[in-house]
Amino acid sequence: MATTYEKSATQSPSTLPGVAVRLSALRRQIKLWFVLEGLAYVLWSALALAVASFLLDYFFRLDLQQRTFLLIASGILLLLVFAQRVIRPLATPLSDDGLILEVERRHPELAESLISAVQFSRVRDVNAMGVSPQLVRASIDQGTQAAERIRFGSIVDSGWLF
């Protein structure tokens, strides 16, 4: 989902409230996915570190200072993994356009009608563009109607979770 990331603040398609609500729900679902996947990764890392720590202690008979160092190093490593796998993805904003493009990639029947509708809905003065207002309105209506028939959440691969 490399195309969904954007550095600037996300823009909400104000004239398409149904799409905006569904994008907001999709954004929450993706953030929840980031948290669950990141925590699972941290849990597996903690388990691997615990097994490695046990084996090192068992075979080498570590003294208290070495065990303390191993515990502190493991804790720091888990914090780094948590920051990389949970905090960093949550801190990265997801753009509306990127999410819509992912939805359209997953649902080729949309044929870019949804992204066109959202981008046309942001235009304030259609006449200045030299485009027919009726054509723009029809494009927006077509994209909105096509979006109502699909499930936005299908772009999240939650097969192992549910």
N, C-alpha and C. Protein backbone atom coordinates (compact mmCIF):
# COMPACT_ATOMS: atom_id res chain seq x y z
N MET A 1 0.82 -1.19 0.00
CA MET A 1 0.00 0.00 0.00
C MET A 1 0.86 1.24 0.00
N ALA A 2 1.87 1.25 -0.76
CA ALA A 2 2.81 2.36 -0.77
C ALA A 2 2.18 3.64 -1.29
N THR A 3 1.14 3.54 -2.09
CA THR A 3 0.55 4.74 -2.67
C THR A 3 -0.38 5.46 -1.72
N THR A 4 -0.70 4.87 -0.59
CA THR A 4 -1.66 5.50 0.32
C THR A 4 -1.01 6.49 1.26
N TYR A 5 0.30 6.52 1.30
CA TYR A 5 0.97 7.42 2.23
C TYR A 5 1.16 8.79 1.62
N GLU A 6 0.95 9.80 2.44
CA GLU A 6 1.13 11.17 1.99
C GLU A 6 1.66 11.97 3.16
N LYS A 7 2.55 12.88 2.92
CA LYS A 7 3.14 13.67 3.99
C LYS A 7 2.20 14.76 4.51
N SER A 8 1.39 15.35 3.65
CA SER A 8 0.53 16.44 4.09
C SER A 8 -0.73 15.89 4.74
N ALA A 9 -1.51 16.78 5.31
CA ALA A 9 -2.74 16.39 5.97
C ALA A 9 -3.73 15.84 4.95
N THR A 10 -4.59 14.94 5.40
CA THR A 10 -5.54 14.35 4.49
C THR A 10 -6.67 15.32 4.21
N GLN A 11 -7.19 15.24 3.00
CA GLN A 11 -8.31 16.08 2.60
C GLN A 11 -9.55 15.20 2.56
N SER A 12 -10.63 15.70 3.07
CA SER A 12 -11.87 14.95 3.04
C SER A 12 -12.74 15.46 1.91
N PRO A 13 -13.26 14.56 1.08
CA PRO A 13 -14.13 15.00 0.00
C PRO A 13 -15.44 15.53 0.57
N SER A 14 -15.51 16.84 0.76
CA SER A 14 -16.62 17.45 1.51
C SER A 14 -17.96 17.30 0.81
N THR A 15 -17.98 17.28 -0.50
CA THR A 15 -19.27 17.19 -1.18
C THR A 15 -19.73 15.75 -1.37
N LEU A 16 -18.93 14.80 -0.96
CA LEU A 16 -19.30 13.39 -1.03
C LEU A 16 -19.29 12.79 0.38
N PRO A 17 -20.28 13.14 1.21
CA PRO A 17 -20.23 12.70 2.61
C PRO A 17 -20.27 11.19 2.76
N GLY A 18 -20.98 10.47 1.91
CA GLY A 18 -21.02 9.02 2.00
C GLY A 18 -19.66 8.40 1.78
N VAL A 19 -18.94 8.92 0.81
CA VAL A 19 -17.59 8.43 0.53
C VAL A 19 -16.64 8.83 1.65
N ALA A 20 -16.81 10.03 2.18
CA ALA A 20 -15.94 10.50 3.26
C ALA A 20 -16.10 9.63 4.50
N VAL A 21 -17.32 9.25 4.82
CA VAL A 21 -17.58 8.40 5.99
C VAL A 21 -16.96 7.02 5.77
N ARG A 22 -17.10 6.49 4.58
CA ARG A 22 -16.54 5.16 4.30
C ARG A 22 -15.01 5.19 4.29
N LEU A 23 -14.43 6.29 3.80
CA LEU A 23 -12.98 6.42 3.84
C LEU A 23 -12.47 6.54 5.27
N SER A 24 -13.22 7.25 6.10
CA SER A 24 -12.85 7.37 7.50
C SER A 24 -12.90 6.00 8.19
N ALA A 25 -13.93 5.23 7.90
CA ALA A 25 -14.03 3.88 8.47
C ALA A 25 -12.89 2.99 7.96
N LEU A 26 -12.55 3.11 6.69
CA LEU A 26 -11.44 2.35 6.13
C LEU A 26 -10.12 2.75 6.79
N ARG A 27 -9.95 4.05 7.00
CA ARG A 27 -8.73 4.53 7.66
C ARG A 27 -8.62 3.95 9.08
N ARG A 28 -9.74 3.92 9.82
CA ARG A 28 -9.73 3.32 11.16
C ARG A 28 -9.41 1.83 11.09
N GLN A 29 -9.96 1.15 10.12
CA GLN A 29 -9.72 -0.28 9.96
C GLN A 29 -8.24 -0.54 9.65
N ILE A 30 -7.66 0.27 8.82
CA ILE A 30 -6.24 0.11 8.48
C ILE A 30 -5.37 0.40 9.70
N LYS A 31 -5.70 1.43 10.45
CA LYS A 31 -4.93 1.75 11.66
C LYS A 31 -5.03 0.60 12.67
N LEU A 32 -6.23 0.02 12.83
CA LEU A 32 -6.39 -1.12 13.72
C LEU A 32 -5.55 -2.29 13.23
N TRP A 33 -5.54 -2.49 11.93
CA TRP A 33 -4.71 -3.55 11.34
C TRP A 33 -3.24 -3.31 11.65
N PHE A 34 -2.78 -2.06 11.52
CA PHE A 34 -1.39 -1.74 11.84
C PHE A 34 -1.07 -2.10 13.29
N VAL A 35 -1.98 -1.75 14.20
CA VAL A 35 -1.76 -2.03 15.62
C VAL A 35 -1.70 -3.53 15.87
N LEU A 36 -2.67 -4.27 15.36
CA LEU A 36 -2.72 -5.71 15.62
C LEU A 36 -1.54 -6.44 14.99
N GLU A 37 -1.21 -6.09 13.76
CA GLU A 37 -0.08 -6.73 13.10
C GLU A 37 1.23 -6.35 13.81
N GLY A 38 1.36 -5.10 14.19
CA GLY A 38 2.57 -4.67 14.89
C GLY A 38 2.73 -5.34 16.24
N LEU A 39 1.63 -5.45 16.99
CA LEU A 39 1.69 -6.11 18.29
C LEU A 39 2.00 -7.60 18.14
N ALA A 40 1.47 -8.23 17.10
CA ALA A 40 1.80 -9.63 16.86
C ALA A 40 3.29 -9.78 16.56
N TYR A 41 3.83 -8.85 15.79
CA TYR A 41 5.26 -8.89 15.48
C TYR A 41 6.09 -8.69 16.75
N VAL A 42 5.66 -7.77 17.61
CA VAL A 42 6.37 -7.54 18.87
C VAL A 42 6.29 -8.78 19.75
N LEU A 43 5.13 -9.43 19.79
CA LEU A 43 4.96 -10.64 20.60
C LEU A 43 5.88 -11.76 20.11
N TRP A 44 5.95 -11.96 18.79
CA TRP A 44 6.83 -12.99 18.26
C TRP A 44 8.30 -12.64 18.51
N SER A 45 8.63 -11.37 18.44
CA SER A 45 10.00 -10.94 18.74
C SER A 45 10.34 -11.20 20.20
N ALA A 46 9.39 -10.90 21.09
CA ALA A 46 9.61 -11.15 22.52
C ALA A 46 9.80 -12.64 22.79
N LEU A 47 9.02 -13.45 22.12
CA LEU A 47 9.15 -14.89 22.29
C LEU A 47 10.51 -15.39 21.80
N ALA A 48 10.94 -14.89 20.65
CA ALA A 48 12.26 -15.28 20.12
C ALA A 48 13.38 -14.81 21.05
N LEU A 49 13.26 -13.60 21.57
CA LEU A 49 14.28 -13.10 22.51
C LEU A 49 14.29 -13.91 23.80
N ALA A 50 13.12 -14.30 24.27
CA ALA A 50 13.04 -15.10 25.50
C ALA A 50 13.70 -16.47 25.30
N VAL A 51 13.44 -17.10 24.16
CA VAL A 51 14.06 -18.40 23.88
C VAL A 51 15.57 -18.24 23.75
N ALA A 52 16.02 -17.20 23.04
CA ALA A 52 17.46 -16.96 22.90
C ALA A 52 18.10 -16.68 24.25
N SER A 53 17.42 -15.90 25.06
CA SER A 53 17.95 -15.58 26.39
C SER A 53 18.05 -16.84 27.26
N PHE A 54 17.02 -17.66 27.20
CA PHE A 54 17.03 -18.91 27.97
C PHE A 54 18.18 -19.81 27.52
N LEU A 55 18.33 -19.95 26.20
CA LEU A 55 19.40 -20.82 25.70
C LEU A 55 20.78 -20.29 26.06
N LEU A 56 20.97 -18.98 25.94
CA LEU A 56 22.26 -18.39 26.33
C LEU A 56 22.55 -18.61 27.81
N ASP A 57 21.54 -18.40 28.63
CA ASP A 57 21.72 -18.57 30.07
C ASP A 57 21.95 -20.03 30.44
N TYR A 58 21.27 -20.91 29.75
CA TYR A 58 21.38 -22.33 30.05
C TYR A 58 22.75 -22.90 29.68
N PHE A 59 23.22 -22.54 28.48
CA PHE A 59 24.47 -23.12 28.02
C PHE A 59 25.71 -22.41 28.55
N PHE A 60 25.62 -21.13 28.89
CA PHE A 60 26.80 -20.39 29.30
C PHE A 60 26.82 -19.99 30.76
N ARG A 61 25.80 -20.31 31.51
CA ARG A 61 25.75 -20.01 32.95
C ARG A 61 26.13 -18.55 33.23
N LEU A 62 25.31 -17.65 32.76
CA LEU A 62 25.58 -16.23 32.88
C LEU A 62 25.45 -15.77 34.33
N ASP A 63 26.31 -14.81 34.71
CA ASP A 63 26.18 -14.25 36.06
C ASP A 63 25.14 -13.12 36.04
N LEU A 64 24.93 -12.47 37.16
CA LEU A 64 23.87 -11.47 37.32
C LEU A 64 24.08 -10.26 36.40
N GLN A 65 25.29 -9.78 36.29
CA GLN A 65 25.56 -8.63 35.41
C GLN A 65 25.27 -8.95 33.95
N GLN A 66 25.66 -10.11 33.50
CA GLN A 66 25.41 -10.51 32.12
C GLN A 66 23.91 -10.70 31.86
N ARG A 67 23.22 -11.28 32.82
CA ARG A 67 21.77 -11.45 32.70
C ARG A 67 21.07 -10.09 32.66
N THR A 68 21.53 -9.16 33.49
CA THR A 68 20.94 -7.82 33.51
C THR A 68 21.16 -7.12 32.17
N PHE A 69 22.39 -7.22 31.66
CA PHE A 69 22.66 -6.62 30.36
C PHE A 69 21.78 -7.24 29.27
N LEU A 70 21.64 -8.55 29.29
CA LEU A 70 20.81 -9.25 28.31
C LEU A 70 19.35 -8.80 28.41
N LEU A 71 18.87 -8.62 29.62
CA LEU A 71 17.49 -8.18 29.84
C LEU A 71 17.29 -6.74 29.33
N ILE A 72 18.23 -5.86 29.64
CA ILE A 72 18.14 -4.47 29.19
C ILE A 72 18.24 -4.39 27.66
N ALA A 73 19.16 -5.14 27.07
CA ALA A 73 19.29 -5.14 25.61
C ALA A 73 18.02 -5.69 24.95
N SER A 74 17.44 -6.72 25.53
CA SER A 74 16.19 -7.27 24.98
C SER A 74 15.06 -6.25 25.10
N GLY A 75 14.98 -5.55 26.20
CA GLY A 75 13.96 -4.52 26.39
C GLY A 75 14.10 -3.39 25.38
N ILE A 76 15.32 -2.94 25.17
CA ILE A 76 15.57 -1.88 24.19
C ILE A 76 15.21 -2.36 22.79
N LEU A 77 15.58 -3.59 22.46
CA LEU A 77 15.26 -4.14 21.15
C LEU A 77 13.74 -4.24 20.95
N LEU A 78 13.01 -4.65 21.98
CA LEU A 78 11.55 -4.73 21.88
C LEU A 78 10.93 -3.34 21.72
N LEU A 79 11.48 -2.35 22.41
CA LEU A 79 10.99 -0.98 22.23
C LEU A 79 11.23 -0.48 20.81
N LEU A 80 12.38 -0.80 20.26
CA LEU A 80 12.67 -0.41 18.87
C LEU A 80 11.72 -1.11 17.90
N VAL A 81 11.46 -2.38 18.12
CA VAL A 81 10.53 -3.11 17.26
C VAL A 81 9.13 -2.52 17.39
N PHE A 82 8.71 -2.18 18.61
CA PHE A 82 7.40 -1.57 18.83
C PHE A 82 7.30 -0.22 18.11
N ALA A 83 8.34 0.58 18.20
CA ALA A 83 8.33 1.89 17.54
C ALA A 83 8.27 1.72 16.02
N GLN A 84 9.02 0.75 15.50
CA GLN A 84 9.08 0.54 14.05
C GLN A 84 7.79 -0.07 13.51
N ARG A 85 7.21 -1.01 14.23
CA ARG A 85 6.07 -1.78 13.71
C ARG A 85 4.70 -1.25 14.14
N VAL A 86 4.65 -0.43 15.19
CA VAL A 86 3.35 0.08 15.65
C VAL A 86 3.28 1.60 15.55
N ILE A 87 4.20 2.29 16.20
CA ILE A 87 4.15 3.75 16.28
C ILE A 87 4.35 4.40 14.90
N ARG A 88 5.35 3.95 14.18
CA ARG A 88 5.66 4.57 12.87
C ARG A 88 4.50 4.44 11.87
N PRO A 89 3.90 3.26 11.70
CA PRO A 89 2.76 3.19 10.77
C PRO A 89 1.56 4.02 11.23
N LEU A 90 1.34 4.11 12.54
CA LEU A 90 0.22 4.91 13.03
C LEU A 90 0.45 6.40 12.84
N ALA A 91 1.71 6.82 12.85
CA ALA A 91 2.03 8.23 12.71
C ALA A 91 2.00 8.70 11.26
N THR A 92 1.98 7.77 10.32
CA THR A 92 1.97 8.12 8.91
C THR A 92 0.54 8.35 8.44
N PRO A 93 0.22 9.56 7.98
CA PRO A 93 -1.16 9.81 7.53
C PRO A 93 -1.46 9.09 6.23
N LEU A 94 -2.72 8.68 6.09
CA LEU A 94 -3.18 8.01 4.87
C LEU A 94 -4.03 8.99 4.07
N SER A 95 -3.66 9.23 2.84
CA SER A 95 -4.40 10.19 2.03
C SER A 95 -5.67 9.57 1.48
N ASP A 96 -6.68 10.41 1.27
CA ASP A 96 -7.93 9.94 0.67
C ASP A 96 -7.69 9.41 -0.73
N ASP A 97 -6.91 10.13 -1.51
CA ASP A 97 -6.65 9.70 -2.88
C ASP A 97 -5.93 8.36 -2.92
N GLY A 98 -4.98 8.17 -2.05
CA GLY A 98 -4.26 6.90 -2.00
C GLY A 98 -5.18 5.75 -1.61
N LEU A 99 -6.03 5.98 -0.63
CA LEU A 99 -6.99 4.94 -0.24
C LEU A 99 -7.95 4.61 -1.37
N ILE A 100 -8.43 5.65 -2.05
CA ILE A 100 -9.36 5.43 -3.16
C ILE A 100 -8.67 4.66 -4.29
N LEU A 101 -7.43 4.99 -4.57
CA LEU A 101 -6.71 4.26 -5.61
C LEU A 101 -6.52 2.79 -5.24
N GLU A 102 -6.30 2.51 -3.96
CA GLU A 102 -6.19 1.12 -3.51
C GLU A 102 -7.53 0.40 -3.66
N VAL A 103 -8.62 1.08 -3.32
CA VAL A 103 -9.95 0.49 -3.48
C VAL A 103 -10.21 0.21 -4.95
N GLU A 104 -9.85 1.14 -5.81
CA GLU A 104 -10.07 0.94 -7.24
C GLU A 104 -9.16 -0.14 -7.82
N ARG A 105 -7.98 -0.29 -7.26
CA ARG A 105 -7.09 -1.36 -7.73
C ARG A 105 -7.69 -2.72 -7.36
N ARG A 106 -8.30 -2.79 -6.19
CA ARG A 106 -8.92 -4.04 -5.74
C ARG A 106 -10.24 -4.31 -6.46
N HIS A 107 -10.92 -3.25 -6.90
CA HIS A 107 -12.21 -3.36 -7.60
C HIS A 107 -12.10 -2.70 -8.97
N PRO A 108 -11.58 -3.43 -9.96
CA PRO A 108 -11.39 -2.83 -11.28
C PRO A 108 -12.70 -2.41 -11.95
N GLU A 109 -13.82 -2.92 -11.48
CA GLU A 109 -15.11 -2.53 -12.08
C GLU A 109 -15.43 -1.04 -11.85
N LEU A 110 -14.75 -0.41 -10.92
CA LEU A 110 -14.96 1.02 -10.70
C LEU A 110 -14.42 1.86 -11.87
N ALA A 111 -13.41 1.36 -12.53
CA ALA A 111 -12.82 2.02 -13.71
C ALA A 111 -12.49 3.49 -13.45
N GLU A 112 -11.90 3.76 -12.32
CA GLU A 112 -11.46 5.11 -11.93
C GLU A 112 -12.60 6.11 -11.79
N SER A 113 -13.82 5.64 -11.68
CA SER A 113 -14.95 6.56 -11.54
C SER A 113 -14.98 7.19 -10.15
N LEU A 114 -14.54 6.45 -9.13
CA LEU A 114 -14.56 6.99 -7.77
C LEU A 114 -13.52 8.09 -7.57
N ILE A 115 -12.31 7.86 -8.04
CA ILE A 115 -11.28 8.89 -7.90
C ILE A 115 -11.65 10.13 -8.71
N SER A 116 -12.25 9.93 -9.86
CA SER A 116 -12.69 11.07 -10.66
C SER A 116 -13.77 11.85 -9.94
N ALA A 117 -14.70 11.14 -9.33
CA ALA A 117 -15.79 11.80 -8.60
C ALA A 117 -15.25 12.61 -7.44
N VAL A 118 -14.33 12.03 -6.70
CA VAL A 118 -13.76 12.75 -5.54
C VAL A 118 -12.97 13.96 -5.99
N GLN A 119 -12.17 13.81 -7.03
CA GLN A 119 -11.37 14.95 -7.50
C GLN A 119 -12.25 16.03 -8.11
N PHE A 120 -13.30 15.66 -8.84
CA PHE A 120 -14.23 16.66 -9.38
C PHE A 120 -14.99 17.35 -8.25
N SER A 121 -15.28 16.63 -7.18
CA SER A 121 -16.04 17.25 -6.08
C SER A 121 -15.22 18.32 -5.36
N ARG A 122 -13.91 18.27 -5.48
CA ARG A 122 -13.04 19.27 -4.85
C ARG A 122 -12.95 20.56 -5.66
N VAL A 123 -13.30 20.50 -6.92
CA VAL A 123 -13.20 21.67 -7.79
C VAL A 123 -14.30 22.66 -7.42
N ARG A 124 -13.92 23.89 -7.16
CA ARG A 124 -14.88 24.92 -6.75
C ARG A 124 -15.55 25.61 -7.94
N ASP A 125 -14.77 25.90 -8.97
CA ASP A 125 -15.32 26.61 -10.13
C ASP A 125 -15.11 25.77 -11.38
N VAL A 126 -16.13 24.99 -11.71
CA VAL A 126 -16.05 24.08 -12.85
C VAL A 126 -15.98 24.86 -14.16
N ASN A 127 -16.68 25.98 -14.22
CA ASN A 127 -16.70 26.78 -15.45
C ASN A 127 -15.31 27.32 -15.80
N ALA A 128 -14.49 27.60 -14.79
CA ALA A 128 -13.15 28.11 -15.04
C ALA A 128 -12.27 27.04 -15.69
N MET A 129 -12.62 25.78 -15.48
CA MET A 129 -11.87 24.70 -16.09
C MET A 129 -12.25 24.49 -17.55
N GLY A 130 -13.38 25.05 -17.94
CA GLY A 130 -13.85 24.87 -19.31
C GLY A 130 -14.52 23.52 -19.52
N VAL A 131 -15.10 22.99 -18.45
CA VAL A 131 -15.75 21.70 -18.50
C VAL A 131 -17.24 21.88 -18.25
N SER A 132 -18.05 21.06 -18.84
CA SER A 132 -19.49 21.12 -18.67
C SER A 132 -19.87 20.77 -17.23
N PRO A 133 -20.61 21.64 -16.53
CA PRO A 133 -21.05 21.33 -15.16
C PRO A 133 -21.93 20.07 -15.11
N GLN A 134 -22.72 19.84 -16.15
CA GLN A 134 -23.56 18.64 -16.18
C GLN A 134 -22.70 17.38 -16.29
N LEU A 135 -21.64 17.45 -17.06
CA LEU A 135 -20.73 16.31 -17.20
C LEU A 135 -20.02 16.02 -15.87
N VAL A 136 -19.60 17.07 -15.19
CA VAL A 136 -18.95 16.91 -13.90
C VAL A 136 -19.92 16.30 -12.90
N ARG A 137 -21.16 16.82 -12.86
CA ARG A 137 -22.18 16.30 -11.94
C ARG A 137 -22.48 14.83 -12.24
N ALA A 138 -22.56 14.48 -13.53
CA ALA A 138 -22.83 13.09 -13.92
C ALA A 138 -21.67 12.18 -13.51
N SER A 139 -20.44 12.68 -13.65
CA SER A 139 -19.27 11.90 -13.23
C SER A 139 -19.26 11.67 -11.73
N ILE A 140 -19.60 12.71 -10.98
CA ILE A 140 -19.67 12.59 -9.52
C ILE A 140 -20.75 11.59 -9.13
N ASP A 141 -21.91 11.69 -9.74
CA ASP A 141 -23.01 10.78 -9.43
C ASP A 141 -22.66 9.33 -9.78
N GLN A 142 -22.03 9.14 -10.93
CA GLN A 142 -21.65 7.80 -11.36
C GLN A 142 -20.63 7.19 -10.38
N GLY A 143 -19.64 7.97 -10.00
CA GLY A 143 -18.63 7.48 -9.06
C GLY A 143 -19.21 7.16 -7.70
N THR A 144 -20.12 8.00 -7.23
CA THR A 144 -20.75 7.77 -5.93
C THR A 144 -21.62 6.52 -5.97
N GLN A 145 -22.38 6.35 -7.02
CA GLN A 145 -23.22 5.16 -7.14
C GLN A 145 -22.39 3.89 -7.26
N ALA A 146 -21.30 3.95 -7.98
CA ALA A 146 -20.43 2.78 -8.11
C ALA A 146 -19.79 2.43 -6.78
N ALA A 147 -19.46 3.45 -5.99
CA ALA A 147 -18.83 3.22 -4.68
C ALA A 147 -19.79 2.60 -3.69
N GLU A 148 -21.08 2.86 -3.84
CA GLU A 148 -22.06 2.31 -2.91
C GLU A 148 -22.18 0.79 -3.04
N ARG A 149 -21.82 0.24 -4.18
CA ARG A 149 -21.98 -1.19 -4.42
C ARG A 149 -20.78 -2.02 -3.95
N ILE A 150 -19.71 -1.38 -3.51
CA ILE A 150 -18.52 -2.13 -3.11
C ILE A 150 -18.24 -1.94 -1.63
N ARG A 151 -17.40 -2.82 -1.12
CA ARG A 151 -16.99 -2.76 0.28
C ARG A 151 -15.54 -2.26 0.34
N PHE A 152 -15.36 -1.08 0.91
CA PHE A 152 -14.03 -0.47 0.98
C PHE A 152 -13.07 -1.30 1.80
N GLY A 153 -13.56 -1.93 2.85
CA GLY A 153 -12.71 -2.69 3.75
C GLY A 153 -12.08 -3.93 3.13
N SER A 154 -12.49 -4.27 1.91
CA SER A 154 -11.93 -5.47 1.28
C SER A 154 -10.47 -5.30 0.90
N ILE A 155 -9.94 -4.09 0.95
CA ILE A 155 -8.53 -3.92 0.59
C ILE A 155 -7.61 -4.33 1.73
N VAL A 156 -8.16 -4.49 2.93
CA VAL A 156 -7.35 -4.90 4.07
C VAL A 156 -7.34 -6.42 4.13
N ASP A 157 -6.16 -7.00 4.09
CA ASP A 157 -6.02 -8.44 4.13
C ASP A 157 -6.02 -8.89 5.59
N SER A 158 -7.19 -9.25 6.08
CA SER A 158 -7.30 -9.67 7.48
C SER A 158 -7.62 -11.15 7.59
N GLY A 159 -7.17 -11.93 6.62
CA GLY A 159 -7.46 -13.35 6.59
C GLY A 159 -6.93 -14.10 7.80
N TRP A 160 -5.75 -13.78 8.27
CA TRP A 160 -5.19 -14.51 9.42
C TRP A 160 -5.81 -14.04 10.73
N LEU A 161 -6.50 -12.90 10.69
CA LEU A 161 -7.02 -12.32 11.91
C LEU A 161 -8.45 -12.76 12.21
N PHE A 162 -9.28 -12.84 11.19
CA PHE A 162 -10.70 -13.14 11.43
C PHE A 162 -11.08 -14.47 10.83
